[in-house]
Amino acid sequence: MANQQRLRRVADQIQRELSGLLRSELKDPRVGMITLTGVEVSPDLAHAKVFYTTLGDAEALALTETGLRRAAGFLRSELGRRLKLRLTPELRFVYDASVAHGVNLSKLIDDALAGKKDG
């Protein structure tokens, strides 16, 4: 079992390496501009949830999800070459809706304040 500090360091390293791989190595046109918002690693380091966000509508999000799911094996093998771990975690990509939710809340607040000024 790994301690929490080591899990956090491994998760941060995975996030940094995956960001570079997505930017420079992945050639899938379905995966456009995405931002990795976080990584959660299981205590046994066998699985990693990679949280991401992207701009676009539901159709673009579906294409991105498909592209990431298809590229997970390639990304895992490249990650294994770059990290000094005995076991490379299996990658699972999860859409992080918190950023879109925050933008929506901010817009609602701005609209409410604009309505208050008019009245």
Protein backbone atom coordinates (compact mmCIF):
# COMPACT_ATOMS: atom_id res chain seq x y z
CA MET A 1 0.00 0.00 0.00
CA ALA A 2 1.27 3.42 -0.94
CA ASN A 3 0.98 6.40 1.38
CA GLN A 4 -1.09 9.45 0.43
CA GLN A 5 1.89 11.66 -0.30
CA ARG A 6 3.33 9.13 -2.76
CA LEU A 7 -0.07 8.69 -4.43
CA ARG A 8 -0.33 12.46 -4.89
CA ARG A 9 3.18 12.65 -6.38
CA VAL A 10 2.46 9.78 -8.78
CA ALA A 11 -0.85 11.37 -9.79
CA ASP A 12 0.86 14.72 -10.44
CA GLN A 13 3.57 13.04 -12.51
CA ILE A 14 0.97 11.14 -14.54
CA GLN A 15 -0.92 14.37 -15.19
CA ARG A 16 2.25 16.18 -16.37
CA GLU A 17 3.36 13.34 -18.63
CA LEU A 18 -0.10 12.80 -20.11
CA SER A 19 -0.44 16.51 -20.85
CA GLY A 20 2.78 16.37 -22.85
CA LEU A 21 1.76 13.17 -24.62
CA LEU A 22 -1.65 14.55 -25.58
CA ARG A 23 -0.07 17.74 -26.87
CA SER A 24 2.80 16.24 -28.86
CA GLU A 25 2.30 12.52 -29.51
CA LEU A 26 -1.42 11.84 -29.93
CA LYS A 27 -2.49 12.34 -33.54
CA ASP A 28 -6.17 11.42 -33.18
CA PRO A 29 -8.29 14.24 -34.71
CA ARG A 30 -11.17 13.42 -32.34
CA VAL A 31 -9.09 14.57 -29.39
CA GLY A 32 -8.82 18.31 -29.78
CA MET A 33 -7.98 20.88 -27.17
CA ILE A 34 -8.47 19.26 -23.79
CA THR A 35 -7.28 20.25 -20.35
CA LEU A 36 -6.42 17.67 -17.73
CA THR A 37 -7.91 18.87 -14.45
CA GLY A 38 -6.73 16.09 -12.18
CA VAL A 39 -5.70 12.48 -11.71
CA GLU A 40 -6.78 10.05 -8.98
CA VAL A 41 -4.64 6.95 -8.51
CA SER A 42 -5.88 3.83 -6.71
CA PRO A 43 -3.92 2.81 -3.60
CA ASP A 44 -2.41 -0.18 -5.41
CA LEU A 45 -1.39 2.04 -8.38
CA ALA A 46 -3.23 -0.27 -10.79
CA HIS A 47 -5.85 2.26 -11.94
CA ALA A 48 -5.87 5.98 -12.63
CA LYS A 49 -8.89 8.19 -13.26
CA VAL A 50 -7.87 11.07 -15.48
CA PHE A 51 -10.27 14.02 -15.28
CA TYR A 52 -10.45 16.35 -18.26
CA THR A 53 -12.46 19.22 -19.63
CA THR A 54 -12.94 20.45 -23.17
CA LEU A 55 -14.72 23.19 -25.03
CA GLY A 56 -17.51 22.35 -27.41
CA ASP A 57 -20.97 20.90 -27.57
CA ALA A 58 -22.21 17.43 -26.66
CA GLU A 59 -21.22 16.02 -30.05
CA ALA A 60 -17.63 17.24 -29.69
CA LEU A 61 -17.53 15.83 -26.16
CA ALA A 62 -18.71 12.42 -27.42
CA LEU A 63 -16.00 12.42 -30.10
CA THR A 64 -13.37 13.37 -27.54
CA GLU A 65 -14.49 10.60 -25.17
CA THR A 66 -14.29 8.05 -27.98
CA GLY A 67 -10.85 9.26 -29.03
CA LEU A 68 -9.50 9.14 -25.49
CA ARG A 69 -10.93 5.69 -24.87
CA ARG A 70 -9.32 4.41 -28.08
CA ALA A 71 -5.98 6.05 -27.26
CA ALA A 72 -5.83 4.83 -23.64
CA GLY A 73 -3.66 1.81 -24.49
CA PHE A 74 -1.19 3.89 -26.48
CA LEU A 75 -1.03 6.55 -23.77
CA ARG A 76 -0.52 3.90 -21.09
CA SER A 77 2.37 2.29 -22.97
CA GLU A 78 4.04 5.68 -23.58
CA LEU A 79 3.48 6.57 -19.93
CA GLY A 80 5.12 3.31 -18.91
CA ARG A 81 8.24 4.25 -20.88
CA ARG A 82 8.47 7.65 -19.19
CA LEU A 83 7.64 6.78 -15.58
CA LYS A 84 9.80 4.72 -13.28
CA LEU A 85 7.04 2.53 -11.88
CA ARG A 86 6.87 -1.23 -11.66
CA LEU A 87 3.25 -1.16 -12.80
CA THR A 88 1.76 1.43 -15.15
CA PRO A 89 -1.81 2.25 -14.10
CA GLU A 90 -4.72 1.48 -16.38
CA LEU A 91 -6.11 4.82 -17.57
CA ARG A 92 -9.77 5.76 -17.42
CA PHE A 93 -10.78 9.17 -18.72
CA VAL A 94 -13.65 10.97 -16.98
CA TYR A 95 -15.20 14.24 -18.14
CA ASP A 96 -14.97 16.92 -15.45
CA ALA A 97 -18.13 18.99 -15.64
CA SER A 98 -17.14 21.27 -12.74
CA VAL A 99 -15.51 23.86 -15.01
CA ALA A 100 -18.56 24.12 -17.28
CA HIS A 101 -20.78 24.25 -14.20
CA GLY A 102 -18.68 27.09 -12.75
CA VAL A 103 -18.89 29.08 -15.99
CA ASN A 104 -22.65 28.59 -16.05
CA LEU A 105 -23.01 29.76 -12.42
CA SER A 106 -20.85 32.79 -13.12
CA LYS A 107 -23.04 33.69 -16.10
CA LEU A 108 -26.18 33.35 -13.98
CA ILE A 109 -24.71 35.63 -11.31
CA ASP A 110 -23.68 38.20 -13.93
CA ASP A 111 -27.18 38.09 -15.45
CA ALA A 112 -28.78 38.52 -12.03
CA LEU A 113 -26.55 41.50 -11.20
CA ALA A 114 -27.25 43.09 -14.60
CA GLY A 115 -31.01 42.69 -13.97
CA LYS A 116 -30.65 44.31 -10.53
CA LYS A 117 -28.93 47.38 -12.03
CA ASP A 118 -31.70 47.83 -14.61
CA GLY A 119 -34.48 47.72 -11.99
